[in-house]
Amino acid sequence: MLHFSRRVCAMLLASGAFLFIVATTAAAGMWVSPQQGDYDTTYTVRASGFAPGESVDTWINKPYQWRVGQGAFVADANGAIEFEFRPDVTWGVGGFFASAQGLRSGREYTASFSIGGGGAPLAPCACRAVWLGDPGGTAVNYNAQGYGSSESVIVYMTDPSAQIQRLPNAQADPWGNLAFPIYLSPDSLYGPYLFTARGLTTGRESFNTLTFWGGIQNHRSSNPISFATPEFKLDGADFTPQENVSIQLLYPDNTTKILTTIKADDDGTIHYAMFVVPGAPFGMYTLSGVGATSGKRAHASFRWDGVVTPNP
């Protein structure tokens, strides 16, 4: 208990001042600083509200995907902990959470932060630029799909000696397909090789495992076949040979765009194909050809919902 002389109390009251005596403790909760950064950023995490001296488990979580433990810490006399971490380039980008749970008290706290895409590791890496040996050796293609349009992809290899190496970045095509060659020279280590490819934006991860005994004898993949680039096709007949044919596309919102003009073949037929661009709105499309001389019309309708389905 604190004691004040009558004279001090009288002076405070006379001046109209009020004295508040507050017992202060660290506010319970968790904070990540900075709240946004890149792969070259060191994040600092502070959490308090735990029982003094208790062990606290910590981890980083990407929602609905995975979590990476950051170790156990002992809360100080004020029930607080502090630790630092630097993101791994394979984590991808987006929103994340840091979490901590007291193992004795059961108290758990969480704080959000984000990782952007501007850090140094997003540039071409200063790692080995040669794929495991001479391209004249045994080769196999890595194929996967489901990545973002033109997304940068980090590639790692685990060799038969369990050593992990980062390989040069790969890049998905505009439709999210990923393909790159893997070379093994005749003097490569014998045993299994594991290749992992994680998209930096979507977090999409695929893998490819093969065994090598002087030649690739087994080849397994999470999704070995890339989808062909989707396209709309139009075939028509009975046009005037070599006449100009206007190619038009009717969109799902009923707007029409003239795409190009082609010439009919000598037998009066036309053949035209167009790629479906990434991000094209889902719905019904009609591709048409109109002859400038004959007035002949040909058309083909399609439904686009990630897959092109011709209408009968």
Protein backbone atom coordinates (compact mmCIF):
# COMPACT_ATOMS: atom_id res chain seq x y z
CA MET A 1 0.00 0.00 0.00
CA LEU A 2 1.26 3.47 -0.82
CA HIS A 3 1.00 6.23 1.78
CA PHE A 4 0.81 9.96 1.03
CA SER A 5 1.13 12.73 3.56
CA ARG A 6 -1.96 14.80 4.26
CA ARG A 7 -0.09 17.79 2.82
CA VAL A 8 0.50 16.07 -0.56
CA CYS A 9 -3.10 14.90 -0.77
CA ALA A 10 -4.34 18.35 0.04
CA MET A 11 -2.16 19.88 -2.67
CA LEU A 12 -3.49 17.41 -5.27
CA LEU A 13 -7.09 17.96 -4.32
CA ALA A 14 -6.67 21.70 -4.23
CA SER A 15 -5.27 21.77 -7.75
CA GLY A 16 -8.14 19.67 -9.07
CA ALA A 17 -5.78 16.88 -10.09
CA PHE A 18 -6.63 13.20 -9.80
CA LEU A 19 -4.17 10.49 -9.11
CA PHE A 20 -4.68 7.05 -10.59
CA ILE A 21 -2.54 4.20 -9.36
CA VAL A 22 -2.66 1.41 -11.97
CA ALA A 23 -0.95 -1.94 -11.73
CA THR A 24 0.39 -2.48 -15.24
CA THR A 25 1.11 -5.77 -16.95
CA ALA A 26 1.96 -6.54 -20.57
CA ALA A 27 -1.20 -6.78 -22.68
CA ALA A 28 -1.94 -10.31 -23.85
CA GLY A 29 -1.73 -10.90 -27.58
CA MET A 30 0.60 -11.39 -30.52
CA TRP A 31 2.22 -9.04 -33.03
CA VAL A 32 4.27 -9.58 -36.21
CA SER A 33 6.56 -6.82 -37.46
CA PRO A 34 6.56 -5.86 -40.24
CA GLN A 35 3.09 -6.99 -41.26
CA GLN A 36 4.09 -7.16 -44.91
CA GLY A 37 7.40 -8.07 -46.52
CA ASP A 38 9.18 -10.31 -49.02
CA TYR A 39 11.57 -13.26 -48.98
CA ASP A 40 14.44 -10.98 -48.01
CA THR A 41 12.50 -9.72 -44.96
CA THR A 42 13.23 -10.79 -41.38
CA TYR A 43 9.98 -10.85 -39.41
CA THR A 44 9.89 -10.37 -35.64
CA VAL A 45 7.14 -11.99 -33.58
CA ARG A 46 6.22 -10.91 -30.04
CA ALA A 47 3.58 -12.59 -27.88
CA SER A 48 2.54 -12.17 -24.26
CA GLY A 49 -0.09 -13.41 -21.86
CA PHE A 50 1.50 -16.77 -21.10
CA ALA A 51 2.33 -18.14 -17.66
CA PRO A 52 5.82 -17.01 -16.60
CA GLY A 53 8.38 -19.72 -17.27
CA GLU A 54 6.13 -22.00 -19.31
CA SER A 55 7.17 -23.53 -22.65
CA VAL A 56 5.46 -22.02 -25.69
CA ASP A 57 5.11 -23.85 -29.01
CA THR A 58 5.24 -21.65 -32.14
CA TRP A 59 4.48 -22.13 -35.82
CA ILE A 60 3.76 -20.34 -39.10
CA ASN A 61 0.60 -21.31 -40.98
CA LYS A 62 -0.60 -20.81 -44.54
CA PRO A 63 -4.37 -21.24 -44.22
CA TYR A 64 -5.79 -24.52 -45.58
CA GLN A 65 -2.35 -25.65 -46.76
CA TRP A 66 0.40 -26.34 -44.22
CA ARG A 67 2.21 -25.12 -41.14
CA VAL A 68 5.90 -24.92 -40.28
CA GLY A 69 7.05 -25.19 -36.66
CA GLN A 70 9.32 -22.43 -35.38
CA GLY A 71 10.41 -24.17 -32.19
CA ALA A 72 9.61 -23.91 -28.47
CA PHE A 73 10.39 -20.87 -26.34
CA VAL A 74 10.24 -20.22 -22.59
CA ALA A 75 8.07 -17.30 -21.49
CA ASP A 76 9.94 -14.69 -19.46
CA ALA A 77 8.93 -13.34 -16.03
CA ASN A 78 6.28 -11.19 -17.72
CA GLY A 79 4.81 -14.14 -19.66
CA ALA A 80 6.22 -12.94 -23.01
CA ILE A 81 8.24 -14.49 -25.82
CA GLU A 82 9.96 -13.08 -28.90
CA PHE A 83 11.47 -14.77 -31.96
CA GLU A 84 12.44 -14.04 -35.56
CA PHE A 85 12.03 -15.92 -38.83
CA ARG A 86 12.76 -15.43 -42.49
CA PRO A 87 10.37 -16.99 -45.03
CA ASP A 88 11.46 -19.90 -47.17
CA VAL A 89 11.06 -19.21 -50.89
CA THR A 90 8.90 -22.31 -51.23
CA TRP A 91 6.20 -20.80 -49.01
CA GLY A 92 4.69 -18.82 -51.87
CA VAL A 93 3.03 -15.44 -51.41
CA GLY A 94 -0.17 -14.21 -49.80
CA GLY A 95 -1.62 -14.17 -46.28
CA PHE A 96 -0.06 -16.10 -43.41
CA PHE A 97 -0.50 -16.47 -39.64
CA ALA A 98 2.01 -16.76 -36.84
CA SER A 99 0.73 -18.70 -33.82
CA ALA A 100 1.93 -19.54 -30.32
CA GLN A 101 0.45 -21.80 -27.64
CA GLY A 102 1.43 -22.13 -24.01
CA LEU A 103 1.97 -25.81 -23.25
CA ARG A 104 0.95 -25.46 -19.60
CA SER A 105 -1.67 -22.71 -19.67
CA GLY A 106 -3.15 -23.67 -23.04
CA ARG A 107 -3.32 -19.99 -24.02
CA GLU A 108 -2.99 -19.48 -27.75
CA TYR A 109 -2.46 -16.30 -29.76
CA THR A 110 -2.36 -15.64 -33.50
CA ALA A 111 -1.27 -12.70 -35.65
CA SER A 112 -1.53 -12.23 -39.41
CA PHE A 113 1.10 -11.01 -41.88
CA SER A 114 1.70 -11.25 -45.61
CA ILE A 115 4.50 -12.10 -47.99
CA GLY A 116 4.68 -10.25 -51.29
CA GLY A 117 6.50 -11.11 -54.46
CA GLY A 118 9.23 -8.50 -54.69
CA GLY A 119 12.06 -10.16 -52.78
CA ALA A 120 15.41 -11.02 -54.28
CA PRO A 121 14.72 -14.77 -54.60
CA LEU A 122 12.03 -14.02 -57.19
CA ALA A 123 14.73 -12.97 -59.62
CA PRO A 124 16.62 -15.72 -61.47
CA CYS A 125 18.51 -17.50 -58.75
CA ALA A 126 22.28 -17.52 -58.51
CA CYS A 127 22.18 -21.30 -58.30
CA ARG A 128 23.43 -23.97 -60.65
CA ALA A 129 22.38 -23.25 -64.19
CA VAL A 130 23.16 -26.80 -65.39
CA TRP A 131 20.57 -29.51 -65.02
CA LEU A 132 22.44 -32.32 -63.27
CA GLY A 133 24.87 -32.95 -66.07
CA ASP A 134 25.36 -32.94 -69.81
CA PRO A 135 22.14 -32.57 -71.83
CA GLY A 136 23.51 -35.39 -73.94
CA GLY A 137 22.66 -37.78 -71.14
CA THR A 138 19.34 -39.40 -70.35
CA ALA A 139 16.51 -36.86 -70.36
CA VAL A 140 12.90 -36.72 -69.27
CA ASN A 141 10.38 -33.90 -69.30
CA TYR A 142 8.72 -32.61 -66.15
CA ASN A 143 5.03 -31.90 -66.87
CA ALA A 144 2.35 -30.47 -64.60
CA GLN A 145 -0.66 -28.18 -64.77
CA GLY A 146 -2.86 -26.07 -62.56
CA TYR A 147 -0.49 -23.15 -62.03
CA GLY A 148 -1.37 -19.49 -62.51
CA SER A 149 -1.07 -17.86 -65.92
CA SER A 150 2.68 -17.35 -66.61
CA GLU A 151 3.41 -17.96 -62.92
CA SER A 152 7.03 -18.19 -61.72
CA VAL A 153 7.77 -21.58 -60.19
CA ILE A 154 10.53 -22.49 -57.72
CA VAL A 155 12.07 -25.92 -58.41
CA TYR A 156 13.92 -28.12 -55.90
CA MET A 157 15.63 -31.47 -56.32
CA THR A 158 16.40 -34.06 -53.66
CA ASP A 159 19.14 -36.37 -54.93
CA PRO A 160 19.85 -39.98 -53.86
CA SER A 161 22.20 -38.75 -51.10
CA ALA A 162 19.27 -36.76 -49.61
CA GLN A 163 20.89 -33.45 -50.54
CA ILE A 164 18.42 -30.72 -51.49
CA GLN A 165 19.37 -28.38 -54.31
CA ARG A 166 17.50 -25.44 -55.71
CA LEU A 167 17.37 -25.50 -59.51
CA PRO A 168 16.74 -22.55 -61.85
CA ASN A 169 13.23 -21.12 -61.75
CA ALA A 170 10.68 -22.47 -64.22
CA GLN A 171 7.66 -20.62 -65.60
CA ALA A 172 4.17 -21.80 -66.43
CA ASP A 173 2.69 -20.94 -69.81
CA PRO A 174 -0.29 -18.56 -70.15
CA TRP A 175 -2.66 -21.47 -69.46
CA GLY A 176 -0.93 -22.69 -66.30
CA ASN A 177 0.89 -25.66 -67.85
CA LEU A 178 4.44 -26.28 -66.64
CA ALA A 179 7.08 -28.14 -68.64
CA PHE A 180 10.86 -28.26 -68.43
CA PRO A 181 13.54 -30.88 -69.16
CA ILE A 182 15.47 -32.87 -66.57
CA TYR A 183 18.85 -34.23 -67.63
CA LEU A 184 20.88 -36.98 -65.97
CA SER A 185 24.39 -37.66 -67.21
CA PRO A 186 25.69 -41.24 -67.23
CA ASP A 187 27.86 -40.50 -64.17
CA SER A 188 24.96 -39.17 -62.07
CA LEU A 189 24.33 -40.73 -58.68
CA TYR A 190 22.29 -43.92 -58.79
CA GLY A 191 19.01 -43.97 -56.90
CA PRO A 192 15.76 -42.00 -56.64
CA TYR A 193 15.45 -38.31 -57.48
CA LEU A 194 12.57 -36.16 -56.23
CA PHE A 195 11.68 -32.93 -58.01
CA THR A 196 9.26 -30.46 -56.41
CA ALA A 197 7.83 -27.38 -58.14
CA ARG A 198 5.89 -24.77 -56.15
CA GLY A 199 4.17 -21.76 -57.71
CA LEU A 200 5.14 -18.47 -56.09
CA THR A 201 1.68 -16.93 -56.42
CA THR A 202 -0.81 -19.79 -56.11
CA GLY A 203 1.25 -22.05 -53.85
CA ARG A 204 0.40 -24.86 -56.27
CA GLU A 205 2.82 -27.73 -55.71
CA SER A 206 3.55 -30.69 -57.94
CA PHE A 207 6.20 -33.39 -57.73
CA ASN A 208 8.01 -35.86 -59.92
CA THR A 209 9.95 -38.90 -58.71
CA LEU A 210 12.24 -40.99 -60.89
CA THR A 211 14.90 -43.63 -60.34
CA PHE A 212 18.18 -43.72 -62.20
CA TRP A 213 20.43 -46.76 -62.68
CA GLY A 214 22.43 -45.68 -65.70
CA GLY A 215 19.11 -44.92 -67.34
CA ILE A 216 15.70 -43.71 -66.19
CA GLN A 217 13.89 -46.94 -65.38
CA ASN A 218 10.88 -45.58 -63.53
CA HIS A 219 9.12 -42.28 -63.91
CA ARG A 220 6.28 -41.21 -61.61
CA SER A 221 4.61 -37.82 -61.46
CA SER A 222 1.82 -36.10 -59.56
CA ASN A 223 0.24 -35.04 -62.87
CA PRO A 224 2.36 -36.12 -65.84
CA ILE A 225 0.23 -34.93 -68.75
CA SER A 226 -0.22 -31.25 -69.56
CA PHE A 227 -3.55 -30.20 -70.97
CA ALA A 228 -3.51 -28.99 -74.55
CA THR A 229 -4.11 -25.27 -74.93
CA PRO A 230 -7.89 -24.89 -75.29
CA GLU A 231 -9.17 -23.58 -78.63
CA PHE A 232 -12.32 -22.96 -80.65
CA LYS A 233 -12.38 -24.50 -84.14
CA LEU A 234 -14.47 -23.61 -87.17
CA ASP A 235 -14.75 -25.73 -90.33
CA GLY A 236 -17.00 -24.83 -93.25
CA ALA A 237 -17.72 -25.73 -96.87
CA ASP A 238 -19.48 -24.47 -100.04
CA PHE A 239 -17.75 -21.07 -100.03
CA THR A 240 -16.57 -19.56 -103.31
CA PRO A 241 -12.99 -20.69 -103.87
CA GLN A 242 -10.48 -18.08 -102.67
CA GLU A 243 -13.19 -15.66 -101.52
CA ASN A 244 -12.62 -13.54 -98.44
CA VAL A 245 -14.33 -14.89 -95.33
CA SER A 246 -14.88 -12.67 -92.28
CA ILE A 247 -14.30 -14.53 -88.98
CA GLN A 248 -16.40 -13.29 -86.06
CA LEU A 249 -16.80 -14.32 -82.43
CA LEU A 250 -19.99 -13.93 -80.42
CA TYR A 251 -19.23 -13.62 -76.67
CA PRO A 252 -21.39 -14.77 -73.73
CA ASP A 253 -22.58 -11.16 -73.19
CA ASN A 254 -23.90 -11.13 -76.81
CA THR A 255 -21.24 -8.72 -78.08
CA THR A 256 -19.60 -9.60 -81.41
CA LYS A 257 -16.01 -9.01 -82.44
CA ILE A 258 -14.54 -9.39 -85.94
CA LEU A 259 -11.35 -11.37 -85.43
CA THR A 260 -9.80 -11.53 -88.90
CA THR A 261 -10.40 -12.22 -92.60
CA ILE A 262 -9.22 -15.45 -94.23
CA LYS A 263 -9.47 -16.86 -97.75
CA ALA A 264 -11.44 -19.97 -98.59
CA ASP A 265 -9.43 -22.85 -100.00
CA ASP A 266 -9.60 -23.84 -103.68
CA ASP A 267 -12.27 -26.38 -102.82
CA GLY A 268 -14.41 -23.76 -101.04
CA THR A 269 -13.66 -24.93 -97.52
CA ILE A 270 -12.46 -22.92 -94.52
CA HIS A 271 -10.58 -24.04 -91.43
CA TYR A 272 -9.90 -21.68 -88.54
CA ALA A 273 -8.82 -22.17 -84.92
CA MET A 274 -8.36 -19.66 -82.11
CA PHE A 275 -6.84 -20.08 -78.66
CA VAL A 276 -9.02 -19.45 -75.61
CA VAL A 277 -7.09 -16.79 -73.71
CA PRO A 278 -6.58 -17.20 -69.95
CA GLY A 279 -9.29 -15.46 -67.97
CA ALA A 280 -11.87 -15.62 -70.76
CA PRO A 281 -15.39 -15.33 -69.24
CA PHE A 282 -17.24 -18.62 -68.87
CA GLY A 283 -20.30 -19.16 -71.04
CA MET A 284 -21.46 -19.79 -74.62
CA TYR A 285 -19.37 -18.65 -77.60
CA THR A 286 -20.16 -18.81 -81.33
CA LEU A 287 -17.43 -18.66 -83.96
CA SER A 288 -18.73 -17.67 -87.41
CA GLY A 289 -17.44 -17.22 -90.96
CA VAL A 290 -19.23 -15.06 -93.55
CA GLY A 291 -18.26 -15.19 -97.24
CA ALA A 292 -17.85 -11.77 -98.86
CA THR A 293 -18.90 -13.02 -102.32
CA SER A 294 -21.19 -15.96 -101.74
CA GLY A 295 -22.82 -14.74 -98.55
CA LYS A 296 -22.31 -18.28 -97.24
CA ARG A 297 -22.27 -18.61 -93.45
CA ALA A 298 -20.70 -21.25 -91.25
CA HIS A 299 -20.70 -21.32 -87.49
CA ALA A 300 -19.77 -23.46 -84.49
CA SER A 301 -20.88 -22.96 -80.90
CA PHE A 302 -18.96 -23.86 -77.77
CA ARG A 303 -19.35 -23.78 -74.03
CA TRP A 304 -16.27 -22.58 -72.12
CA ASP A 305 -16.06 -23.41 -68.39
CA GLY A 306 -12.37 -24.21 -68.15
CA VAL A 307 -12.89 -26.86 -70.82
CA VAL A 308 -14.08 -26.31 -74.37
CA THR A 309 -17.25 -28.33 -75.12
CA PRO A 310 -18.67 -28.06 -78.66
CA ASN A 311 -22.43 -27.77 -78.93
CA PRO A 312 -24.11 -30.30 -81.24
